[in-house]
Amino acid sequence: MKSFGSLIYTPETASGEAISKVESHTPKIEVPCTVKRNEPFKVRISVGPHPNSVEHSIRRIEVYFYEEGRAFNPVMLAAIDLTPVYMEPEIELTLKLGTSGTLFVIEYCNLHGLWEARAEIKAE
């Protein structure tokens, strides 16, 4: 039996047919590499270009933060359910971080499964 984590595609682990889906399914994270500790900053997340029909669409985006020095990780920051046709897979969040770490974004496509991207963020 596979672990749940092994079911999540990344650009580094995609193989076979999944290789052709990397560009259209891997979340794109726009975030500063360095932020001021405990001060708000914007994060923009998008997926695509990707179809947006009932038959084939991005249905969910989840955002997690792996906080350096925290005993139990990650912290779930957001979970957004998307309705096909009416919503595009683009979100913007305002975050405040007290410590450095890694932002993980996982998206779910109803045909091609779970895809992950990550970004390191240094809080100074």
PDB file of N, CA and C in Angstrom:
ATOM      1  N   MET A   1       0.844  -1.173   0.000  1.00  0.00           N
ATOM      2  CA  MET A   1       0.000   0.000   0.000  1.00  0.00           C
ATOM      3  C   MET A   1       0.897   1.246   0.000  1.00  0.00           C
ATOM      4  N   LYS A   2       0.559   2.205  -0.836  1.00  0.00           N
ATOM      5  CA  LYS A   2       1.319   3.451  -0.921  1.00  0.00           C
ATOM      6  C   LYS A   2       0.937   4.393   0.206  1.00  0.00           C
ATOM      7  N   SER A   3       1.883   5.264   0.588  1.00  0.00           N
ATOM      8  CA  SER A   3       1.555   6.321   1.547  1.00  0.00           C
ATOM      9  C   SER A   3       0.829   7.428   0.797  1.00  0.00           C
ATOM     10  N   PHE A   4       0.055   8.221   1.518  1.00  0.00           N
ATOM     11  CA  PHE A   4      -0.693   9.304   0.881  1.00  0.00           C
ATOM     12  C   PHE A   4       0.257  10.271   0.173  1.00  0.00           C
ATOM     13  N   GLY A   5       1.373  10.576   0.815  1.00  0.00           N
ATOM     14  CA  GLY A   5       2.338  11.509   0.230  1.00  0.00           C
ATOM     15  C   GLY A   5       2.864  11.056  -1.121  1.00  0.00           C
ATOM     16  N   SER A   6       2.958   9.755  -1.327  1.00  0.00           N
ATOM     17  CA  SER A   6       3.472   9.256  -2.600  1.00  0.00           C
ATOM     18  C   SER A   6       2.465   9.441  -3.738  1.00  0.00           C
ATOM     19  N   LEU A   7       1.247   9.826  -3.423  1.00  0.00           N
ATOM     20  CA  LEU A   7       0.208  10.050  -4.435  1.00  0.00           C
ATOM     21  C   LEU A   7       0.185  11.483  -4.944  1.00  0.00           C
ATOM     22  N   ILE A   8       1.014  12.341  -4.367  1.00  0.00           N
ATOM     23  CA  ILE A   8       1.049  13.752  -4.747  1.00  0.00           C
ATOM     24  C   ILE A   8       2.154  13.962  -5.780  1.00  0.00           C
ATOM     25  N   TYR A   9       1.788  14.493  -6.942  1.00  0.00           N
ATOM     26  CA  TYR A   9       2.762  14.744  -7.997  1.00  0.00           C
ATOM     27  C   TYR A   9       3.502  16.050  -7.750  1.00  0.00           C
ATOM     28  N   THR A  10       4.779  16.065  -8.107  1.00  0.00           N
ATOM     29  CA  THR A  10       5.589  17.279  -8.124  1.00  0.00           C
ATOM     30  C   THR A  10       6.350  17.282  -9.446  1.00  0.00           C
ATOM     31  N   PRO A  11       6.887  18.427  -9.846  1.00  0.00           N
ATOM     32  CA  PRO A  11       7.693  18.431 -11.072  1.00  0.00           C
ATOM     33  C   PRO A  11       8.873  17.448 -10.986  1.00  0.00           C
ATOM     34  N   GLU A  12       9.403  17.240  -9.779  1.00  0.00           N
ATOM     35  CA  GLU A  12      10.552  16.350  -9.610  1.00  0.00           C
ATOM     36  C   GLU A  12      10.163  14.866  -9.650  1.00  0.00           C
ATOM     37  N   THR A  13       8.938  14.535  -9.243  1.00  0.00           N
ATOM     38  CA  THR A  13       8.558  13.130  -9.137  1.00  0.00           C
ATOM     39  C   THR A  13       7.628  12.644 -10.242  1.00  0.00           C
ATOM     40  N   ALA A  14       7.112  13.552 -11.057  1.00  0.00           N
ATOM     41  CA  ALA A  14       6.190  13.149 -12.125  1.00  0.00           C
ATOM     42  C   ALA A  14       6.909  12.229 -13.113  1.00  0.00           C
ATOM     43  N   SER A  15       6.222  11.173 -13.502  1.00  0.00           N
ATOM     44  CA  SER A  15       6.785  10.255 -14.487  1.00  0.00           C
ATOM     45  C   SER A  15       5.663   9.739 -15.380  1.00  0.00           C
ATOM     46  N   GLY A  16       6.052   9.088 -16.459  1.00  0.00           N
ATOM     47  CA  GLY A  16       5.061   8.551 -17.377  1.00  0.00           C
ATOM     48  C   GLY A  16       4.160   9.632 -17.934  1.00  0.00           C
ATOM     49  N   GLU A  17       2.861   9.364 -17.971  1.00  0.00           N
ATOM     50  CA  GLU A  17       1.878  10.298 -18.521  1.00  0.00           C
ATOM     51  C   GLU A  17       1.829  11.613 -17.736  1.00  0.00           C
ATOM     52  N   ALA A  18       2.165  11.562 -16.437  1.00  0.00           N
ATOM     53  CA  ALA A  18       2.103  12.761 -15.597  1.00  0.00           C
ATOM     54  C   ALA A  18       3.095  13.841 -16.028  1.00  0.00           C
ATOM     55  N   ILE A  19       4.177  13.466 -16.696  1.00  0.00           N
ATOM     56  CA  ILE A  19       5.168  14.454 -17.140  1.00  0.00           C
ATOM     57  C   ILE A  19       4.513  15.499 -18.039  1.00  0.00           C
ATOM     58  N   SER A  20       3.579  15.093 -18.870  1.00  0.00           N
ATOM     59  CA  SER A  20       2.925  16.033 -19.778  1.00  0.00           C
ATOM     60  C   SER A  20       1.961  16.972 -19.055  1.00  0.00           C
ATOM     61  N   LYS A  21       1.688  16.724 -17.784  1.00  0.00           N
ATOM     62  CA  LYS A  21       0.742  17.540 -17.016  1.00  0.00           C
ATOM     63  C   LYS A  21       1.428  18.518 -16.063  1.00  0.00           C
ATOM     64  N   VAL A  22       2.750  18.468 -15.971  1.00  0.00           N
ATOM     65  CA  VAL A  22       3.490  19.282 -14.997  1.00  0.00           C
ATOM     66  C   VAL A  22       3.182  20.769 -15.150  1.00  0.00           C
ATOM     67  N   GLU A  23       3.298  21.305 -16.350  1.00  0.00           N
ATOM     68  CA  GLU A  23       3.127  22.753 -16.555  1.00  0.00           C
ATOM     69  C   GLU A  23       1.713  23.226 -16.240  1.00  0.00           C
ATOM     70  N   SER A  24       0.715  22.450 -16.592  1.00  0.00           N
ATOM     71  CA  SER A  24      -0.669  22.895 -16.411  1.00  0.00           C
ATOM     72  C   SER A  24      -1.254  22.550 -15.038  1.00  0.00           C
ATOM     73  N   HIS A  25      -0.538  21.741 -14.235  1.00  0.00           N
ATOM     74  CA  HIS A  25      -1.095  21.320 -12.952  1.00  0.00           C
ATOM     75  C   HIS A  25      -0.275  21.736 -11.724  1.00  0.00           C
ATOM     76  N   THR A  26       0.992  22.019 -11.880  1.00  0.00           N
ATOM     77  CA  THR A  26       1.808  22.423 -10.735  1.00  0.00           C
ATOM     78  C   THR A  26       1.420  23.843 -10.317  1.00  0.00           C
ATOM     79  N   PRO A  27       1.048  24.051  -9.051  1.00  0.00           N
ATOM     80  CA  PRO A  27       0.703  25.404  -8.608  1.00  0.00           C
ATOM     81  C   PRO A  27       1.885  26.368  -8.792  1.00  0.00           C
ATOM     82  N   LYS A  28       1.566  27.587  -9.152  1.00  0.00           N
ATOM     83  CA  LYS A  28       2.571  28.640  -9.271  1.00  0.00           C
ATOM     84  C   LYS A  28       2.417  29.556  -8.051  1.00  0.00           C
ATOM     85  N   ILE A  29       3.504  29.759  -7.338  1.00  0.00           N
ATOM     86  CA  ILE A  29       3.491  30.553  -6.109  1.00  0.00           C
ATOM     87  C   ILE A  29       4.300  31.817  -6.341  1.00  0.00           C
ATOM     88  N   GLU A  30       3.655  32.966  -6.173  1.00  0.00           N
ATOM     89  CA  GLU A  30       4.354  34.246  -6.244  1.00  0.00           C
ATOM     90  C   GLU A  30       4.448  34.779  -4.824  1.00  0.00           C
ATOM     91  N   VAL A  31       5.667  34.775  -4.269  1.00  0.00           N
ATOM     92  CA  VAL A  31       5.882  35.179  -2.883  1.00  0.00           C
ATOM     93  C   VAL A  31       7.297  35.746  -2.768  1.00  0.00           C
ATOM     94  N   PRO A  32       7.500  36.750  -1.915  1.00  0.00           N
ATOM     95  CA  PRO A  32       8.859  37.236  -1.714  1.00  0.00           C
ATOM     96  C   PRO A  32       9.718  36.157  -1.050  1.00  0.00           C
ATOM     97  N   CYS A  33      10.988  36.110  -1.405  1.00  0.00           N
ATOM     98  CA  CYS A  33      11.904  35.145  -0.765  1.00  0.00           C
ATOM     99  C   CYS A  33      12.190  35.538   0.676  1.00  0.00           C
ATOM    100  N   THR A  34      12.167  36.843   0.941  1.00  0.00           N
ATOM    101  CA  THR A  34      12.429  37.357   2.280  1.00  0.00           C
ATOM    102  C   THR A  34      11.298  38.301   2.669  1.00  0.00           C
ATOM    103  N   VAL A  35      10.798  38.152   3.894  1.00  0.00           N
ATOM    104  CA  VAL A  35       9.741  39.011   4.411  1.00  0.00           C
ATOM    105  C   VAL A  35      10.153  39.540   5.779  1.00  0.00           C
ATOM    106  N   LYS A  36       9.491  40.618   6.207  1.00  0.00           N
ATOM    107  CA  LYS A  36       9.743  41.152   7.548  1.00  0.00           C
ATOM    108  C   LYS A  36       8.929  40.354   8.550  1.00  0.00           C
ATOM    109  N   ARG A  37       9.587  39.938   9.592  1.00  0.00           N
ATOM    110  CA  ARG A  37       8.964  39.128  10.632  1.00  0.00           C
ATOM    111  C   ARG A  37       7.699  39.812  11.176  1.00  0.00           C
ATOM    112  N   ASN A  38       6.595  39.065  11.219  1.00  0.00           N
ATOM    113  CA  ASN A  38       5.308  39.504  11.781  1.00  0.00           C
ATOM    114  C   ASN A  38       4.675  40.697  11.063  1.00  0.00           C
ATOM    115  N   GLU A  39       5.057  40.935   9.810  1.00  0.00           N
ATOM    116  CA  GLU A  39       4.430  41.992   9.016  1.00  0.00           C
ATOM    117  C   GLU A  39       3.711  41.366   7.831  1.00  0.00           C
ATOM    118  N   PRO A  40       2.525  41.864   7.492  1.00  0.00           N
ATOM    119  CA  PRO A  40       1.737  41.262   6.409  1.00  0.00           C
ATOM    120  C   PRO A  40       2.444  41.360   5.050  1.00  0.00           C
ATOM    121  N   PHE A  41       2.260  40.334   4.244  1.00  0.00           N
ATOM    122  CA  PHE A  41       2.747  40.325   2.865  1.00  0.00           C
ATOM    123  C   PHE A  41       1.783  39.474   2.036  1.00  0.00           C
ATOM    124  N   LYS A  42       1.815  39.687   0.737  1.00  0.00           N
ATOM    125  CA  LYS A  42       0.892  39.009  -0.172  1.00  0.00           C
ATOM    126  C   LYS A  42       1.533  37.767  -0.782  1.00  0.00           C
ATOM    127  N   VAL A  43       0.701  36.753  -0.981  1.00  0.00           N
ATOM    128  CA  VAL A  43       1.063  35.533  -1.699  1.00  0.00           C
ATOM    129  C   VAL A  43       0.000  35.321  -2.771  1.00  0.00           C
ATOM    130  N   ARG A  44       0.431  35.107  -3.997  1.00  0.00           N
ATOM    131  CA  ARG A  44      -0.497  34.826  -5.095  1.00  0.00           C
ATOM    132  C   ARG A  44      -0.240  33.405  -5.578  1.00  0.00           C
ATOM    133  N   ILE A  45      -1.310  32.633  -5.715  1.00  0.00           N
ATOM    134  CA  ILE A  45      -1.216  31.240  -6.152  1.00  0.00           C
ATOM    135  C   ILE A  45      -2.144  31.061  -7.342  1.00  0.00           C
ATOM    136  N   SER A  46      -1.619  30.409  -8.377  1.00  0.00           N
ATOM    137  CA  SER A  46      -2.442  30.135  -9.558  1.00  0.00           C
ATOM    138  C   SER A  46      -2.079  28.760 -10.115  1.00  0.00           C
ATOM    139  N   VAL A  47      -2.982  28.227 -10.916  1.00  0.00           N
ATOM    140  CA  VAL A  47      -2.761  26.943 -11.580  1.00  0.00           C
ATOM    141  C   VAL A  47      -3.188  27.123 -13.030  1.00  0.00           C
ATOM    142  N   GLY A  48      -2.349  26.666 -13.936  1.00  0.00           N
ATOM    143  CA  GLY A  48      -2.760  26.706 -15.328  1.00  0.00           C
ATOM    144  C   GLY A  48      -1.715  27.275 -16.247  1.00  0.00           C
ATOM    145  N   PRO A  49      -2.114  27.406 -17.503  1.00  0.00           N
ATOM    146  CA  PRO A  49      -3.479  27.333 -18.008  1.00  0.00           C
ATOM    147  C   PRO A  49      -4.068  25.931 -17.849  1.00  0.00           C
ATOM    148  N   HIS A  50      -5.341  25.902 -17.497  1.00  0.00           N
ATOM    149  CA  HIS A  50      -6.013  24.642 -17.200  1.00  0.00           C
ATOM    150  C   HIS A  50      -7.480  24.752 -17.590  1.00  0.00           C
ATOM    151  N   PRO A  51      -8.086  23.676 -18.117  1.00  0.00           N
ATOM    152  CA  PRO A  51      -9.526  23.707 -18.414  1.00  0.00           C
ATOM    153  C   PRO A  51     -10.346  24.004 -17.151  1.00  0.00           C
ATOM    154  N   ASN A  52     -11.519  24.554 -17.346  1.00  0.00           N
ATOM    155  CA  ASN A  52     -12.380  24.895 -16.207  1.00  0.00           C
ATOM    156  C   ASN A  52     -13.821  24.493 -16.516  1.00  0.00           C
ATOM    157  N   SER A  53     -14.003  23.212 -16.783  1.00  0.00           N
ATOM    158  CA  SER A  53     -15.335  22.691 -17.066  1.00  0.00           C
ATOM    159  C   SER A  53     -15.745  21.729 -15.962  1.00  0.00           C
ATOM    160  N   VAL A  54     -16.997  21.365 -15.940  1.00  0.00           N
ATOM    161  CA  VAL A  54     -17.479  20.397 -14.951  1.00  0.00           C
ATOM    162  C   VAL A  54     -16.722  19.078 -15.109  1.00  0.00           C
ATOM    163  N   GLU A  55     -16.401  18.724 -16.340  1.00  0.00           N
ATOM    164  CA  GLU A  55     -15.724  17.457 -16.608  1.00  0.00           C
ATOM    165  C   GLU A  55     -14.248  17.470 -16.217  1.00  0.00           C
ATOM    166  N   HIS A  56     -13.606  18.645 -16.236  1.00  0.00           N
ATOM    167  CA  HIS A  56     -12.168  18.734 -15.978  1.00  0.00           C
ATOM    168  C   HIS A  56     -11.842  20.117 -15.418  1.00  0.00           C
ATOM    169  N   SER A  57     -11.492  20.154 -14.127  1.00  0.00           N
ATOM    170  CA  SER A  57     -11.186  21.444 -13.506  1.00  0.00           C
ATOM    171  C   SER A  57     -10.395  21.254 -12.214  1.00  0.00           C
ATOM    172  N   ILE A  58      -9.821  22.368 -11.740  1.00  0.00           N
ATOM    173  CA  ILE A  58      -9.165  22.407 -10.441  1.00  0.00           C
ATOM    174  C   ILE A  58     -10.264  22.627  -9.411  1.00  0.00           C
ATOM    175  N   ARG A  59     -10.371  21.734  -8.449  1.00  0.00           N
ATOM    176  CA  ARG A  59     -11.471  21.778  -7.489  1.00  0.00           C
ATOM    177  C   ARG A  59     -11.074  22.295  -6.109  1.00  0.00           C
ATOM    178  N   ARG A  60      -9.769  22.251  -5.776  1.00  0.00           N
ATOM    179  CA  ARG A  60      -9.371  22.652  -4.427  1.00  0.00           C
ATOM    180  C   ARG A  60      -7.910  23.087  -4.429  1.00  0.00           C
ATOM    181  N   ILE A  61      -7.622  24.103  -3.616  1.00  0.00           N
ATOM    182  CA  ILE A  61      -6.254  24.540  -3.362  1.00  0.00           C
ATOM    183  C   ILE A  61      -6.071  24.590  -1.856  1.00  0.00           C
ATOM    184  N   GLU A  62      -5.011  23.960  -1.367  1.00  0.00           N
ATOM    185  CA  GLU A  62      -4.681  23.984   0.059  1.00  0.00           C
ATOM    186  C   GLU A  62      -3.301  24.588   0.230  1.00  0.00           C
ATOM    187  N   VAL A  63      -3.145  25.393   1.301  1.00  0.00           N
ATOM    188  CA  VAL A  63      -1.880  26.063   1.571  1.00  0.00           C
ATOM    189  C   VAL A  63      -1.426  25.690   2.976  1.00  0.00           C
ATOM    190  N   TYR A  64      -0.177  25.234   3.078  1.00  0.00           N
ATOM    191  CA  TYR A  64       0.417  24.817   4.350  1.00  0.00           C
ATOM    192  C   TYR A  64       1.726  25.556   4.563  1.00  0.00           C
ATOM    193  N   PHE A  65       2.114  25.716   5.835  1.00  0.00           N
ATOM    194  CA  PHE A  65       3.401  26.319   6.156  1.00  0.00           C
ATOM    195  C   PHE A  65       4.172  25.394   7.083  1.00  0.00           C
ATOM    196  N   TYR A  66       5.378  25.007   6.644  1.00  0.00           N
ATOM    197  CA  TYR A  66       6.296  24.229   7.466  1.00  0.00           C
ATOM    198  C   TYR A  66       7.187  25.231   8.182  1.00  0.00           C
ATOM    199  N   GLU A  67       6.934  25.404   9.467  1.00  0.00           N
ATOM    200  CA  GLU A  67       7.592  26.437  10.264  1.00  0.00           C
ATOM    201  C   GLU A  67       8.858  25.886  10.917  1.00  0.00           C
ATOM    202  N   GLU A  68       9.992  26.522  10.637  1.00  0.00           N
ATOM    203  CA  GLU A  68      11.253  26.096  11.239  1.00  0.00           C
ATOM    204  C   GLU A  68      11.161  26.154  12.758  1.00  0.00           C
ATOM    205  N   GLY A  69      11.599  25.084  13.420  1.00  0.00           N
ATOM    206  CA  GLY A  69      11.624  25.042  14.879  1.00  0.00           C
ATOM    207  C   GLY A  69      10.331  24.584  15.521  1.00  0.00           C
ATOM    208  N   ARG A  70       9.296  24.378  14.765  1.00  0.00           N
ATOM    209  CA  ARG A  70       8.013  23.935  15.319  1.00  0.00           C
ATOM    210  C   ARG A  70       8.043  22.419  15.499  1.00  0.00           C
ATOM    211  N   ALA A  71       7.538  21.948  16.605  1.00  0.00           N
ATOM    212  CA  ALA A  71       7.570  20.513  16.900  1.00  0.00           C
ATOM    213  C   ALA A  71       6.722  19.700  15.925  1.00  0.00           C
ATOM    214  N   PHE A  72       5.528  20.178  15.600  1.00  0.00           N
ATOM    215  CA  PHE A  72       4.637  19.440  14.704  1.00  0.00           C
ATOM    216  C   PHE A  72       4.280  20.318  13.515  1.00  0.00           C
ATOM    217  N   ASN A  73       4.584  19.837  12.329  1.00  0.00           N
ATOM    218  CA  ASN A  73       4.369  20.563  11.092  1.00  0.00           C
ATOM    219  C   ASN A  73       3.614  19.690  10.118  1.00  0.00           C
ATOM    220  N   PRO A  74       2.982  20.287   9.128  1.00  0.00           N
ATOM    221  CA  PRO A  74       2.852  21.705   8.834  1.00  0.00           C
ATOM    222  C   PRO A  74       1.609  22.304   9.475  1.00  0.00           C
ATOM    223  N   VAL A  75       1.486  23.626   9.370  1.00  0.00           N
ATOM    224  CA  VAL A  75       0.300  24.358   9.795  1.00  0.00           C
ATOM    225  C   VAL A  75      -0.541  24.604   8.543  1.00  0.00           C
ATOM    226  N   MET A  76      -1.827  24.261   8.596  1.00  0.00           N
ATOM    227  CA  MET A  76      -2.703  24.555   7.454  1.00  0.00           C
ATOM    228  C   MET A  76      -3.107  26.025   7.522  1.00  0.00           C
ATOM    229  N   LEU A  77      -2.822  26.752   6.455  1.00  0.00           N
ATOM    230  CA  LEU A  77      -3.149  28.180   6.407  1.00  0.00           C
ATOM    231  C   LEU A  77      -4.466  28.446   5.697  1.00  0.00           C
ATOM    232  N   ALA A  78      -4.769  27.661   4.664  1.00  0.00           N
ATOM    233  CA  ALA A  78      -5.996  27.908   3.908  1.00  0.00           C
ATOM    234  C   ALA A  78      -6.382  26.664   3.124  1.00  0.00           C
ATOM    235  N   ALA A  79      -7.683  26.515   2.924  1.00  0.00           N
ATOM    236  CA  ALA A  79      -8.233  25.473   2.055  1.00  0.00           C
ATOM    237  C   ALA A  79      -9.389  26.109   1.298  1.00  0.00           C
ATOM    238  N   ILE A  80      -9.255  26.155  -0.013  1.00  0.00           N
ATOM    239  CA  ILE A  80     -10.250  26.827  -0.840  1.00  0.00           C
ATOM    240  C   ILE A  80     -10.857  25.828  -1.810  1.00  0.00           C
ATOM    241  N   ASP A  81     -12.178  25.655  -1.736  1.00  0.00           N
ATOM    242  CA  ASP A  81     -12.892  24.813  -2.693  1.00  0.00           C
ATOM    243  C   ASP A  81     -13.320  25.684  -3.864  1.00  0.00           C
ATOM    244  N   LEU A  82     -13.093  25.187  -5.074  1.00  0.00           N
ATOM    245  CA  LEU A  82     -13.405  25.932  -6.286  1.00  0.00           C
ATOM    246  C   LEU A  82     -14.541  25.250  -7.046  1.00  0.00           C
ATOM    247  N   THR A  83     -15.463  26.042  -7.522  1.00  0.00           N
ATOM    248  CA  THR A  83     -16.583  25.531  -8.306  1.00  0.00           C
ATOM    249  C   THR A  83     -16.241  25.667  -9.787  1.00  0.00           C
ATOM    250  N   PRO A  84     -16.306  24.558 -10.550  1.00  0.00           N
ATOM    251  CA  PRO A  84     -15.981  24.662 -11.966  1.00  0.00           C
ATOM    252  C   PRO A  84     -16.894  25.654 -12.681  1.00  0.00           C
ATOM    253  N   VAL A  85     -16.385  26.206 -13.745  1.00  0.00           N
ATOM    254  CA  VAL A  85     -17.039  27.184 -14.610  1.00  0.00           C
ATOM    255  C   VAL A  85     -17.058  28.571 -13.963  1.00  0.00           C
ATOM    256  N   TYR A  86     -17.461  28.694 -12.696  1.00  0.00           N
ATOM    257  CA  TYR A  86     -17.640  29.986 -12.039  1.00  0.00           C
ATOM    258  C   TYR A  86     -16.368  30.550 -11.410  1.00  0.00           C
ATOM    259  N   MET A  87     -15.430  29.692 -11.034  1.00  0.00           N
ATOM    260  CA  MET A  87     -14.235  30.156 -10.322  1.00  0.00           C
ATOM    261  C   MET A  87     -12.973  29.718 -11.048  1.00  0.00           C
ATOM    262  N   GLU A  88     -12.002  30.598 -11.092  1.00  0.00           N
ATOM    263  CA  GLU A  88     -10.704  30.276 -11.675  1.00  0.00           C
ATOM    264  C   GLU A  88      -9.741  29.879 -10.548  1.00  0.00           C
ATOM    265  N   PRO A  89      -8.750  29.017 -10.841  1.00  0.00           N
ATOM    266  CA  PRO A  89      -7.807  28.591  -9.811  1.00  0.00           C
ATOM    267  C   PRO A  89      -6.714  29.633  -9.563  1.00  0.00           C
ATOM    268  N   GLU A  90      -7.132  30.771  -9.026  1.00  0.00           N
ATOM    269  CA  GLU A  90      -6.230  31.864  -8.678  1.00  0.00           C
ATOM    270  C   GLU A  90      -6.689  32.439  -7.347  1.00  0.00           C
ATOM    271  N   ILE A  91      -5.762  32.509  -6.391  1.00  0.00           N
ATOM    272  CA  ILE A  91      -6.089  33.067  -5.087  1.00  0.00           C
ATOM    273  C   ILE A  91      -4.969  34.003  -4.633  1.00  0.00           C
ATOM    274  N   GLU A  92      -5.327  34.915  -3.748  1.00  0.00           N
ATOM    275  CA  GLU A  92      -4.338  35.789  -3.120  1.00  0.00           C
ATOM    276  C   GLU A  92      -4.589  35.763  -1.624  1.00  0.00           C
ATOM    277  N   LEU A  93      -3.514  35.580  -0.869  1.00  0.00           N
ATOM    278  CA  LEU A  93      -3.598  35.534   0.592  1.00  0.00           C
ATOM    279  C   LEU A  93      -2.681  36.596   1.178  1.00  0.00           C
ATOM    280  N   THR A  94      -3.033  37.081   2.344  1.00  0.00           N
ATOM    281  CA  THR A  94      -2.150  37.957   3.105  1.00  0.00           C
ATOM    282  C   THR A  94      -1.684  37.164   4.312  1.00  0.00           C
ATOM    283  N   LEU A  95      -0.378  36.987   4.435  1.00  0.00           N
ATOM    284  CA  LEU A  95       0.202  36.203   5.521  1.00  0.00           C
ATOM    285  C   LEU A  95       1.075  37.068   6.412  1.00  0.00           C
ATOM    286  N   LYS A  96       1.293  36.590   7.635  1.00  0.00           N
ATOM    287  CA  LYS A  96       2.261  37.171   8.573  1.00  0.00           C
ATOM    288  C   LYS A  96       3.016  35.998   9.176  1.00  0.00           C
ATOM    289  N   LEU A  97       4.336  36.009   9.047  1.00  0.00           N
ATOM    290  CA  LEU A  97       5.145  34.918   9.573  1.00  0.00           C
ATOM    291  C   LEU A  97       6.114  35.420  10.626  1.00  0.00           C
ATOM    292  N   GLY A  98       6.217  34.689  11.716  1.00  0.00           N
ATOM    293  CA  GLY A  98       7.170  35.030  12.763  1.00  0.00           C
ATOM    294  C   GLY A  98       8.499  34.328  12.599  1.00  0.00           C
ATOM    295  N   THR A  99       8.497  33.248  11.804  1.00  0.00           N
ATOM    296  CA  THR A  99       9.721  32.485  11.578  1.00  0.00           C
ATOM    297  C   THR A  99       9.818  32.090  10.110  1.00  0.00           C
ATOM    298  N   SER A 100      10.998  31.699   9.723  1.00  0.00           N
ATOM    299  CA  SER A 100      11.236  31.230   8.363  1.00  0.00           C
ATOM    300  C   SER A 100      10.661  29.831   8.190  1.00  0.00           C
ATOM    301  N   GLY A 101      10.497  29.426   6.927  1.00  0.00           N
ATOM    302  CA  GLY A 101      10.000  28.084   6.660  1.00  0.00           C
ATOM    303  C   GLY A 101       9.686  27.888   5.195  1.00  0.00           C
ATOM    304  N   THR A 102       8.851  26.908   4.936  1.00  0.00           N
ATOM    305  CA  THR A 102       8.491  26.549   3.564  1.00  0.00           C
ATOM    306  C   THR A 102       6.984  26.575   3.395  1.00  0.00           C
ATOM    307  N   LEU A 103       6.547  27.268   2.360  1.00  0.00           N
ATOM    308  CA  LEU A 103       5.137  27.313   1.998  1.00  0.00           C
ATOM    309  C   LEU A 103       4.884  26.171   1.017  1.00  0.00           C
ATOM    310  N   PHE A 104       3.902  25.327   1.317  1.00  0.00           N
ATOM    311  CA  PHE A 104       3.508  24.225   0.446  1.00  0.00           C
ATOM    312  C   PHE A 104       2.114  24.502  -0.079  1.00  0.00           C
ATOM    313  N   VAL A 105       1.921  24.314  -1.385  1.00  0.00           N
ATOM    314  CA  VAL A 105       0.607  24.468  -1.993  1.00  0.00           C
ATOM    315  C   VAL A 105       0.275  23.155  -2.690  1.00  0.00           C
ATOM    316  N   ILE A 106      -0.910  22.633  -2.401  1.00  0.00           N
ATOM    317  CA  ILE A 106      -1.388  21.418  -3.040  1.00  0.00           C
ATOM    318  C   ILE A 106      -2.701  21.743  -3.739  1.00  0.00           C
ATOM    319  N   GLU A 107      -2.796  21.336  -5.009  1.00  0.00           N
ATOM    320  CA  GLU A 107      -4.047  21.539  -5.737  1.00  0.00           C
ATOM    321  C   GLU A 107      -4.582  20.189  -6.169  1.00  0.00           C
ATOM    322  N   TYR A 108      -5.910  20.126  -6.288  1.00  0.00           N
ATOM    323  CA  TYR A 108      -6.578  18.902  -6.717  1.00  0.00           C
ATOM    324  C   TYR A 108      -7.301  19.127  -8.030  1.00  0.00           C
ATOM    325  N   CYS A 109      -6.924  18.349  -9.043  1.00  0.00           N
ATOM    326  CA  CYS A 109      -7.608  18.324 -10.337  1.00  0.00           C
ATOM    327  C   CYS A 109      -8.481  17.068 -10.345  1.00  0.00           C
ATOM    328  N   ASN A 110      -9.742  17.211 -10.723  1.00  0.00           N
ATOM    329  CA  ASN A 110     -10.648  16.061 -10.663  1.00  0.00           C
ATOM    330  C   ASN A 110     -10.264  14.939 -11.627  1.00  0.00           C
ATOM    331  N   LEU A 111      -9.410  15.204 -12.613  1.00  0.00           N
ATOM    332  CA  LEU A 111      -8.962  14.143 -13.520  1.00  0.00           C
ATOM    333  C   LEU A 111      -7.527  13.694 -13.267  1.00  0.00           C
ATOM    334  N   HIS A 112      -6.665  14.602 -12.817  1.00  0.00           N
ATOM    335  CA  HIS A 112      -5.237  14.303 -12.744  1.00  0.00           C
ATOM    336  C   HIS A 112      -4.654  14.351 -11.338  1.00  0.00           C
ATOM    337  N   GLY A 113      -5.502  14.348 -10.317  1.00  0.00           N
ATOM    338  CA  GLY A 113      -5.048  14.170  -8.947  1.00  0.00           C
ATOM    339  C   GLY A 113      -4.430  15.376  -8.274  1.00  0.00           C
ATOM    340  N   LEU A 114      -3.556  15.091  -7.307  1.00  0.00           N
ATOM    341  CA  LEU A 114      -2.946  16.096  -6.441  1.00  0.00           C
ATOM    342  C   LEU A 114      -1.570  16.507  -6.964  1.00  0.00           C
ATOM    343  N   TRP A 115      -1.327  17.828  -6.947  1.00  0.00           N
ATOM    344  CA  TRP A 115      -0.059  18.382  -7.408  1.00  0.00           C
ATOM    345  C   TRP A 115       0.451  19.373  -6.372  1.00  0.00           C
ATOM    346  N   GLU A 116       1.756  19.354  -6.150  1.00  0.00           N
ATOM    347  CA  GLU A 116       2.370  20.176  -5.102  1.00  0.00           C
ATOM    348  C   GLU A 116       3.439  21.103  -5.667  1.00  0.00           C
ATOM    349  N   ALA A 117       3.533  22.285  -5.047  1.00  0.00           N
ATOM    350  CA  ALA A 117       4.644  23.207  -5.267  1.00  0.00           C
ATOM    351  C   ALA A 117       5.038  23.743  -3.901  1.00  0.00           C
ATOM    352  N   ARG A 118       6.236  24.273  -3.789  1.00  0.00           N
ATOM    353  CA  ARG A 118       6.704  24.805  -2.510  1.00  0.00           C
ATOM    354  C   ARG A 118       7.622  26.008  -2.745  1.00  0.00           C
ATOM    355  N   ALA A 119       7.698  26.850  -1.726  1.00  0.00           N
ATOM    356  CA  ALA A 119       8.560  28.028  -1.800  1.00  0.00           C
ATOM    357  C   ALA A 119       9.153  28.300  -0.421  1.00  0.00           C
ATOM    358  N   GLU A 120      10.445  28.497  -0.374  1.00  0.00           N
ATOM    359  CA  GLU A 120      11.121  28.845   0.871  1.00  0.00           C
ATOM    360  C   GLU A 120      10.874  30.324   1.153  1.00  0.00           C
ATOM    361  N   ILE A 121      10.623  30.647   2.431  1.00  0.00           N
ATOM    362  CA  ILE A 121      10.428  32.043   2.831  1.00  0.00           C
ATOM    363  C   ILE A 121      11.286  32.297   4.058  1.00  0.00           C
ATOM    364  N   LYS A 122      12.091  33.339   3.976  1.00  0.00           N
ATOM    365  CA  LYS A 122      12.939  33.717   5.119  1.00  0.00           C
ATOM    366  C   LYS A 122      12.315  34.920   5.798  1.00  0.00           C
ATOM    367  N   ALA A 123      12.047  34.789   7.109  1.00  0.00           N
ATOM    368  CA  ALA A 123      11.490  35.895   7.893  1.00  0.00           C
ATOM    369  C   ALA A 123      12.624  36.541   8.681  1.00  0.00           C
ATOM    370  N   GLU A 124      12.805  37.831   8.460  1.00  0.00           N
ATOM    371  CA  GLU A 124      13.900  38.558   9.140  1.00  0.00           C
ATOM    372  C   GLU A 124      13.356  39.659  10.019  1.00  0.00           C
TER     373      GLU A 124
END
